[in-house]
Amino acid sequence: MEKDQVQGLYIISIAARLAEVHPQTLRIYERKGLLCPERTLKNRRRYSDADITRLRRIQELTQREGLNLSGVRKVLEMEDEIAGLRKKVQVLESEMAKMHESMRDGVRQLKRQVALSMRPPADLAIRSRKGRR
């Protein structure tokens, strides 16, 4: 996520308006562990764009899908886990591609070494040509 998406920008009233919920709903979601807004030095909540996106997802799950908050928590945990696993897969795929390229380079180098080792030494080739005359 980009820095702008996770940096707390909005006070609770603005965040509630953006997510189309009552500010008390945000407090409830925080108490239930569904949301964890950034806090200022004076302990005031600051909601990020990522928080607003999560709020909208919670609303979608409760209103459209009919889940209770316990079900929402489980869905969000699974979605977060899936996102983490996708990142790990991307890292592993990148590492595999690098290893594959490195192995390819190694094979090319070995083939060159084998080809060079199969050539007779230059002075031997010259002597054998002289011997044929």
N, C-alpha and C. Protein backbone atom coordinates (compact mmCIF):
# COMPACT_ATOMS: atom_id res chain seq x y z
N MET A 1 0.82 -1.17 0.00
CA MET A 1 0.00 0.00 0.00
C MET A 1 0.87 1.24 0.00
N GLU A 2 0.42 2.26 -0.67
CA GLU A 2 1.17 3.51 -0.70
C GLU A 2 1.01 4.25 0.61
N LYS A 3 1.97 5.12 0.90
CA LYS A 3 1.96 5.85 2.17
C LYS A 3 0.68 6.65 2.36
N ASP A 4 0.18 7.28 1.28
CA ASP A 4 -1.05 8.08 1.38
C ASP A 4 -2.24 7.24 1.83
N GLN A 5 -2.25 5.97 1.45
CA GLN A 5 -3.39 5.12 1.78
C GLN A 5 -3.41 4.72 3.24
N VAL A 6 -2.26 4.67 3.90
CA VAL A 6 -2.22 4.22 5.29
C VAL A 6 -2.02 5.36 6.28
N GLN A 7 -1.72 6.55 5.81
CA GLN A 7 -1.54 7.69 6.69
C GLN A 7 -2.90 8.23 7.11
N GLY A 8 -3.08 8.44 8.41
CA GLY A 8 -4.34 8.97 8.93
C GLY A 8 -4.56 10.40 8.49
N LEU A 9 -5.60 10.61 7.71
CA LEU A 9 -5.87 11.94 7.17
C LEU A 9 -7.17 12.55 7.68
N TYR A 10 -8.15 11.70 7.97
CA TYR A 10 -9.51 12.18 8.22
C TYR A 10 -9.90 12.04 9.68
N ILE A 11 -10.57 13.09 10.20
CA ILE A 11 -11.14 12.97 11.54
C ILE A 11 -12.39 12.10 11.43
N ILE A 12 -12.89 11.67 12.56
CA ILE A 12 -13.97 10.69 12.59
C ILE A 12 -15.22 11.15 11.84
N SER A 13 -15.59 12.42 11.95
CA SER A 13 -16.81 12.89 11.27
C SER A 13 -16.66 12.84 9.75
N ILE A 14 -15.48 13.18 9.25
CA ILE A 14 -15.24 13.14 7.80
C ILE A 14 -15.17 11.69 7.33
N ALA A 15 -14.49 10.85 8.08
CA ALA A 15 -14.40 9.43 7.72
C ALA A 15 -15.79 8.80 7.67
N ALA A 16 -16.61 9.13 8.65
CA ALA A 16 -17.98 8.60 8.68
C ALA A 16 -18.77 9.06 7.47
N ARG A 17 -18.62 10.32 7.13
CA ARG A 17 -19.32 10.84 5.96
C ARG A 17 -18.84 10.16 4.67
N LEU A 18 -17.53 9.98 4.55
CA LEU A 18 -16.98 9.32 3.35
C LEU A 18 -17.46 7.88 3.21
N ALA A 19 -17.58 7.20 4.35
CA ALA A 19 -18.02 5.80 4.34
C ALA A 19 -19.55 5.67 4.44
N GLU A 20 -20.21 6.80 4.58
CA GLU A 20 -21.67 6.84 4.68
C GLU A 20 -22.19 6.03 5.87
N VAL A 21 -21.57 6.28 7.02
CA VAL A 21 -22.00 5.65 8.28
C VAL A 21 -22.01 6.73 9.36
N HIS A 22 -22.60 6.41 10.49
CA HIS A 22 -22.61 7.31 11.64
C HIS A 22 -21.26 7.20 12.35
N PRO A 23 -20.75 8.31 12.91
CA PRO A 23 -19.47 8.24 13.62
C PRO A 23 -19.45 7.18 14.73
N GLN A 24 -20.58 6.96 15.38
CA GLN A 24 -20.63 5.95 16.44
C GLN A 24 -20.33 4.56 15.86
N THR A 25 -20.72 4.34 14.62
CA THR A 25 -20.46 3.04 13.97
C THR A 25 -18.95 2.81 13.88
N LEU A 26 -18.19 3.86 13.60
CA LEU A 26 -16.74 3.72 13.53
C LEU A 26 -16.16 3.35 14.89
N ARG A 27 -16.70 3.94 15.93
CA ARG A 27 -16.24 3.62 17.29
C ARG A 27 -16.54 2.16 17.63
N ILE A 28 -17.73 1.71 17.23
CA ILE A 28 -18.11 0.31 17.48
C ILE A 28 -17.17 -0.62 16.73
N TYR A 29 -16.91 -0.32 15.46
CA TYR A 29 -16.02 -1.16 14.65
C TYR A 29 -14.62 -1.22 15.26
N GLU A 30 -14.18 -0.11 15.80
CA GLU A 30 -12.86 -0.10 16.44
C GLU A 30 -12.88 -0.96 17.71
N ARG A 31 -13.93 -0.81 18.50
CA ARG A 31 -14.06 -1.60 19.74
C ARG A 31 -14.11 -3.09 19.43
N LYS A 32 -14.74 -3.45 18.32
CA LYS A 32 -14.86 -4.86 17.92
C LYS A 32 -13.60 -5.38 17.23
N GLY A 33 -12.63 -4.49 17.00
CA GLY A 33 -11.36 -4.91 16.38
C GLY A 33 -11.42 -4.99 14.86
N LEU A 34 -12.46 -4.42 14.25
CA LEU A 34 -12.57 -4.46 12.79
C LEU A 34 -11.78 -3.34 12.13
N LEU A 35 -11.45 -2.35 12.91
CA LEU A 35 -10.80 -1.15 12.39
C LEU A 35 -9.82 -0.65 13.44
N CYS A 36 -8.69 -0.16 13.00
CA CYS A 36 -7.69 0.35 13.94
C CYS A 36 -7.10 1.64 13.38
N PRO A 37 -7.82 2.77 13.58
CA PRO A 37 -7.33 4.04 13.04
C PRO A 37 -6.07 4.50 13.76
N GLU A 38 -5.31 5.31 13.06
CA GLU A 38 -4.13 5.93 13.65
C GLU A 38 -4.61 6.89 14.74
N ARG A 39 -3.76 7.16 15.71
CA ARG A 39 -4.10 8.10 16.77
C ARG A 39 -3.09 9.25 16.78
N THR A 40 -3.57 10.46 17.08
CA THR A 40 -2.69 11.61 17.21
C THR A 40 -2.06 11.59 18.60
N LEU A 41 -1.18 12.53 18.86
CA LEU A 41 -0.57 12.65 20.19
C LEU A 41 -1.62 12.94 21.26
N LYS A 42 -2.71 13.58 20.85
CA LYS A 42 -3.80 13.87 21.79
C LYS A 42 -4.85 12.76 21.79
N ASN A 43 -4.49 11.61 21.21
CA ASN A 43 -5.32 10.40 21.18
C ASN A 43 -6.59 10.54 20.34
N ARG A 44 -6.56 11.42 19.36
CA ARG A 44 -7.70 11.57 18.46
C ARG A 44 -7.52 10.63 17.28
N ARG A 45 -8.63 10.07 16.83
CA ARG A 45 -8.58 9.13 15.70
C ARG A 45 -8.31 9.87 14.40
N ARG A 46 -7.50 9.23 13.53
CA ARG A 46 -7.27 9.73 12.18
C ARG A 46 -7.39 8.53 11.25
N TYR A 47 -8.31 8.64 10.32
CA TYR A 47 -8.61 7.54 9.40
C TYR A 47 -7.91 7.76 8.06
N SER A 48 -7.36 6.69 7.52
CA SER A 48 -6.65 6.75 6.24
C SER A 48 -7.59 6.32 5.10
N ASP A 49 -7.11 6.48 3.88
CA ASP A 49 -7.89 5.99 2.73
C ASP A 49 -8.10 4.48 2.83
N ALA A 50 -7.09 3.78 3.33
CA ALA A 50 -7.23 2.32 3.51
C ALA A 50 -8.33 2.01 4.53
N ASP A 51 -8.40 2.81 5.60
CA ASP A 51 -9.48 2.63 6.60
C ASP A 51 -10.85 2.86 5.96
N ILE A 52 -10.96 3.88 5.12
CA ILE A 52 -12.23 4.17 4.45
C ILE A 52 -12.62 3.00 3.54
N THR A 53 -11.66 2.48 2.82
CA THR A 53 -11.92 1.31 1.96
C THR A 53 -12.39 0.13 2.80
N ARG A 54 -11.73 -0.08 3.94
CA ARG A 54 -12.12 -1.18 4.83
C ARG A 54 -13.53 -0.94 5.39
N LEU A 55 -13.84 0.30 5.75
CA LEU A 55 -15.19 0.63 6.23
C LEU A 55 -16.25 0.29 5.18
N ARG A 56 -15.96 0.66 3.96
CA ARG A 56 -16.91 0.36 2.88
C ARG A 56 -17.07 -1.14 2.70
N ARG A 57 -15.98 -1.88 2.86
CA ARG A 57 -16.05 -3.35 2.75
C ARG A 57 -16.90 -3.92 3.89
N ILE A 58 -16.74 -3.39 5.09
CA ILE A 58 -17.54 -3.84 6.23
C ILE A 58 -19.01 -3.58 5.95
N GLN A 59 -19.32 -2.39 5.45
CA GLN A 59 -20.71 -2.07 5.12
C GLN A 59 -21.27 -3.02 4.06
N GLU A 60 -20.47 -3.32 3.08
CA GLU A 60 -20.91 -4.25 2.02
C GLU A 60 -21.22 -5.62 2.60
N LEU A 61 -20.34 -6.09 3.47
CA LEU A 61 -20.54 -7.43 4.06
C LEU A 61 -21.75 -7.47 4.99
N THR A 62 -21.98 -6.39 5.73
CA THR A 62 -23.12 -6.40 6.65
C THR A 62 -24.44 -6.14 5.94
N GLN A 63 -24.45 -5.18 5.02
CA GLN A 63 -25.71 -4.80 4.39
C GLN A 63 -26.09 -5.68 3.21
N ARG A 64 -25.14 -5.93 2.32
CA ARG A 64 -25.48 -6.73 1.12
C ARG A 64 -25.43 -8.22 1.38
N GLU A 65 -24.42 -8.63 2.15
CA GLU A 65 -24.23 -10.07 2.37
C GLU A 65 -24.93 -10.57 3.64
N GLY A 66 -25.36 -9.66 4.49
CA GLY A 66 -26.11 -10.04 5.68
C GLY A 66 -25.28 -10.65 6.79
N LEU A 67 -23.98 -10.40 6.80
CA LEU A 67 -23.12 -10.96 7.85
C LEU A 67 -23.21 -10.14 9.12
N ASN A 68 -23.05 -10.82 10.25
CA ASN A 68 -22.93 -10.08 11.51
C ASN A 68 -21.46 -9.67 11.67
N LEU A 69 -21.15 -8.88 12.68
CA LEU A 69 -19.79 -8.37 12.83
C LEU A 69 -18.76 -9.47 13.09
N SER A 70 -19.18 -10.55 13.72
CA SER A 70 -18.28 -11.68 13.93
C SER A 70 -17.92 -12.33 12.59
N GLY A 71 -18.91 -12.47 11.74
CA GLY A 71 -18.67 -13.01 10.40
C GLY A 71 -17.80 -12.08 9.57
N VAL A 72 -18.05 -10.78 9.72
CA VAL A 72 -17.25 -9.78 9.00
C VAL A 72 -15.79 -9.90 9.42
N ARG A 73 -15.55 -10.04 10.72
CA ARG A 73 -14.18 -10.17 11.23
C ARG A 73 -13.48 -11.36 10.58
N LYS A 74 -14.17 -12.49 10.52
CA LYS A 74 -13.58 -13.69 9.92
C LYS A 74 -13.28 -13.48 8.44
N VAL A 75 -14.21 -12.87 7.72
CA VAL A 75 -14.00 -12.60 6.29
C VAL A 75 -12.80 -11.67 6.10
N LEU A 76 -12.75 -10.60 6.88
CA LEU A 76 -11.64 -9.65 6.76
C LEU A 76 -10.30 -10.30 7.09
N GLU A 77 -10.29 -11.14 8.13
CA GLU A 77 -9.05 -11.85 8.49
C GLU A 77 -8.60 -12.74 7.33
N MET A 78 -9.56 -13.45 6.72
CA MET A 78 -9.21 -14.32 5.59
C MET A 78 -8.73 -13.50 4.39
N GLU A 79 -9.38 -12.38 4.14
CA GLU A 79 -8.96 -11.52 3.02
C GLU A 79 -7.56 -10.96 3.27
N ASP A 80 -7.28 -10.57 4.51
CA ASP A 80 -5.95 -10.06 4.85
C ASP A 80 -4.90 -11.17 4.69
N GLU A 81 -5.25 -12.37 5.12
CA GLU A 81 -4.33 -13.51 4.99
C GLU A 81 -4.06 -13.81 3.51
N ILE A 82 -5.11 -13.79 2.71
CA ILE A 82 -4.96 -14.04 1.27
C ILE A 82 -4.05 -12.98 0.64
N ALA A 83 -4.26 -11.73 1.02
CA ALA A 83 -3.43 -10.64 0.48
C ALA A 83 -1.96 -10.85 0.87
N GLY A 84 -1.72 -11.25 2.11
CA GLY A 84 -0.35 -11.53 2.56
C GLY A 84 0.27 -12.69 1.81
N LEU A 85 -0.52 -13.73 1.59
CA LEU A 85 -0.01 -14.89 0.84
C LEU A 85 0.28 -14.53 -0.61
N ARG A 86 -0.55 -13.68 -1.20
CA ARG A 86 -0.29 -13.24 -2.58
C ARG A 86 1.02 -12.49 -2.67
N LYS A 87 1.30 -11.64 -1.68
CA LYS A 87 2.57 -10.92 -1.66
C LYS A 87 3.74 -11.89 -1.56
N LYS A 88 3.59 -12.91 -0.69
CA LYS A 88 4.65 -13.91 -0.55
C LYS A 88 4.86 -14.67 -1.86
N VAL A 89 3.78 -15.00 -2.54
CA VAL A 89 3.88 -15.69 -3.83
C VAL A 89 4.63 -14.83 -4.84
N GLN A 90 4.32 -13.54 -4.87
CA GLN A 90 5.01 -12.62 -5.79
C GLN A 90 6.51 -12.59 -5.50
N VAL A 91 6.86 -12.52 -4.22
CA VAL A 91 8.28 -12.50 -3.84
C VAL A 91 8.94 -13.81 -4.26
N LEU A 92 8.29 -14.93 -3.98
CA LEU A 92 8.86 -16.23 -4.34
C LEU A 92 8.99 -16.40 -5.85
N GLU A 93 7.99 -15.94 -6.60
CA GLU A 93 8.07 -16.02 -8.06
C GLU A 93 9.22 -15.19 -8.59
N SER A 94 9.43 -14.03 -8.00
CA SER A 94 10.54 -13.16 -8.41
C SER A 94 11.88 -13.84 -8.10
N GLU A 95 11.98 -14.41 -6.91
CA GLU A 95 13.21 -15.11 -6.53
C GLU A 95 13.45 -16.31 -7.45
N MET A 96 12.39 -17.04 -7.77
CA MET A 96 12.53 -18.19 -8.67
C MET A 96 13.01 -17.75 -10.05
N ALA A 97 12.48 -16.65 -10.56
CA ALA A 97 12.90 -16.15 -11.87
C ALA A 97 14.38 -15.79 -11.85
N LYS A 98 14.82 -15.15 -10.76
CA LYS A 98 16.24 -14.81 -10.63
C LYS A 98 17.10 -16.07 -10.58
N MET A 99 16.66 -17.07 -9.81
CA MET A 99 17.41 -18.32 -9.70
C MET A 99 17.45 -19.04 -11.05
N HIS A 100 16.32 -19.03 -11.73
CA HIS A 100 16.25 -19.68 -13.04
C HIS A 100 17.24 -19.03 -14.01
N GLU A 101 17.27 -17.71 -14.01
CA GLU A 101 18.20 -17.00 -14.89
C GLU A 101 19.64 -17.29 -14.50
N SER A 102 19.91 -17.34 -13.20
CA SER A 102 21.25 -17.65 -12.72
C SER A 102 21.66 -19.07 -13.14
N MET A 103 20.73 -20.01 -13.02
CA MET A 103 21.02 -21.39 -13.44
C MET A 103 21.26 -21.45 -14.94
N ARG A 104 20.48 -20.71 -15.70
CA ARG A 104 20.66 -20.66 -17.15
C ARG A 104 22.05 -20.14 -17.50
N ASP A 105 22.46 -19.08 -16.81
CA ASP A 105 23.80 -18.53 -17.02
C ASP A 105 24.88 -19.56 -16.67
N GLY A 106 24.66 -20.27 -15.57
CA GLY A 106 25.60 -21.31 -15.16
C GLY A 106 25.72 -22.42 -16.19
N VAL A 107 24.59 -22.83 -16.74
CA VAL A 107 24.61 -23.88 -17.77
C VAL A 107 25.35 -23.38 -19.01
N ARG A 108 25.09 -22.16 -19.42
CA ARG A 108 25.81 -21.59 -20.58
C ARG A 108 27.31 -21.58 -20.32
N GLN A 109 27.69 -21.18 -19.13
CA GLN A 109 29.11 -21.12 -18.78
C GLN A 109 29.72 -22.52 -18.78
N LEU A 110 29.02 -23.48 -18.24
CA LEU A 110 29.52 -24.86 -18.24
C LEU A 110 29.66 -25.40 -19.66
N LYS A 111 28.71 -25.09 -20.51
CA LYS A 111 28.79 -25.54 -21.91
C LYS A 111 30.02 -24.95 -22.58
N ARG A 112 30.30 -23.67 -22.33
CA ARG A 112 31.50 -23.05 -22.91
C ARG A 112 32.76 -23.73 -22.40
N GLN A 113 32.79 -24.01 -21.10
CA GLN A 113 33.96 -24.66 -20.52
C GLN A 113 34.17 -26.05 -21.09
N VAL A 114 33.07 -26.79 -21.26
CA VAL A 114 33.17 -28.13 -21.84
C VAL A 114 33.66 -28.04 -23.27
N ALA A 115 33.10 -27.10 -24.03
CA ALA A 115 33.52 -26.94 -25.43
C ALA A 115 35.00 -26.59 -25.50
N LEU A 116 35.47 -25.73 -24.63
CA LEU A 116 36.89 -25.35 -24.62
C LEU A 116 37.77 -26.52 -24.20
N SER A 117 37.30 -27.32 -23.27
CA SER A 117 38.12 -28.45 -22.80
C SER A 117 38.21 -29.56 -23.84
N MET A 118 37.30 -29.60 -24.77
CA MET A 118 37.31 -30.65 -25.80
C MET A 118 38.19 -30.27 -26.98
N ARG A 119 38.60 -29.02 -27.11
CA ARG A 119 39.50 -28.60 -28.17
C ARG A 119 40.91 -29.03 -27.83
N PRO A 120 41.63 -29.49 -28.81
CA PRO A 120 43.03 -29.81 -28.52
C PRO A 120 43.80 -28.52 -28.29
N PRO A 121 44.83 -28.57 -27.47
CA PRO A 121 45.64 -27.38 -27.26
C PRO A 121 46.19 -26.88 -28.60
N ALA A 122 46.40 -25.59 -28.71
CA ALA A 122 46.83 -24.98 -29.97
C ALA A 122 48.15 -25.56 -30.44
N ASP A 123 49.13 -25.76 -29.56
CA ASP A 123 50.43 -26.29 -30.00
C ASP A 123 50.31 -27.73 -30.46
N LEU A 124 49.40 -28.50 -29.89
CA LEU A 124 49.18 -29.88 -30.32
C LEU A 124 48.56 -29.90 -31.71
N ALA A 125 47.65 -29.00 -31.97
CA ALA A 125 47.03 -28.92 -33.28
C ALA A 125 48.07 -28.55 -34.34
N ILE A 126 48.99 -27.66 -34.01
CA ILE A 126 50.04 -27.25 -34.96
C ILE A 126 50.99 -28.42 -35.21
N ARG A 127 51.40 -29.16 -34.16
CA ARG A 127 52.30 -30.31 -34.32
C ARG A 127 51.66 -31.39 -35.16
N SER A 128 50.36 -31.63 -34.94
CA SER A 128 49.72 -32.70 -35.70
C SER A 128 49.61 -32.33 -37.17
N ARG A 129 49.48 -31.07 -37.51
CA ARG A 129 49.44 -30.66 -38.91
C ARG A 129 50.81 -30.80 -39.55
N LYS A 130 51.88 -30.53 -38.78
CA LYS A 130 53.22 -30.65 -39.30
C LYS A 130 53.55 -32.12 -39.54
N GLY A 131 53.08 -32.98 -38.67
CA GLY A 131 53.36 -34.41 -38.77
C GLY A 131 52.71 -35.04 -39.99
N ARG A 132 51.65 -34.49 -40.52
CA ARG A 132 50.93 -35.05 -41.66
C ARG A 132 51.68 -34.74 -42.96
N ARG A 133 52.47 -33.79 -43.01
CA ARG A 133 53.15 -33.43 -44.25
C ARG A 133 54.23 -34.35 -44.60
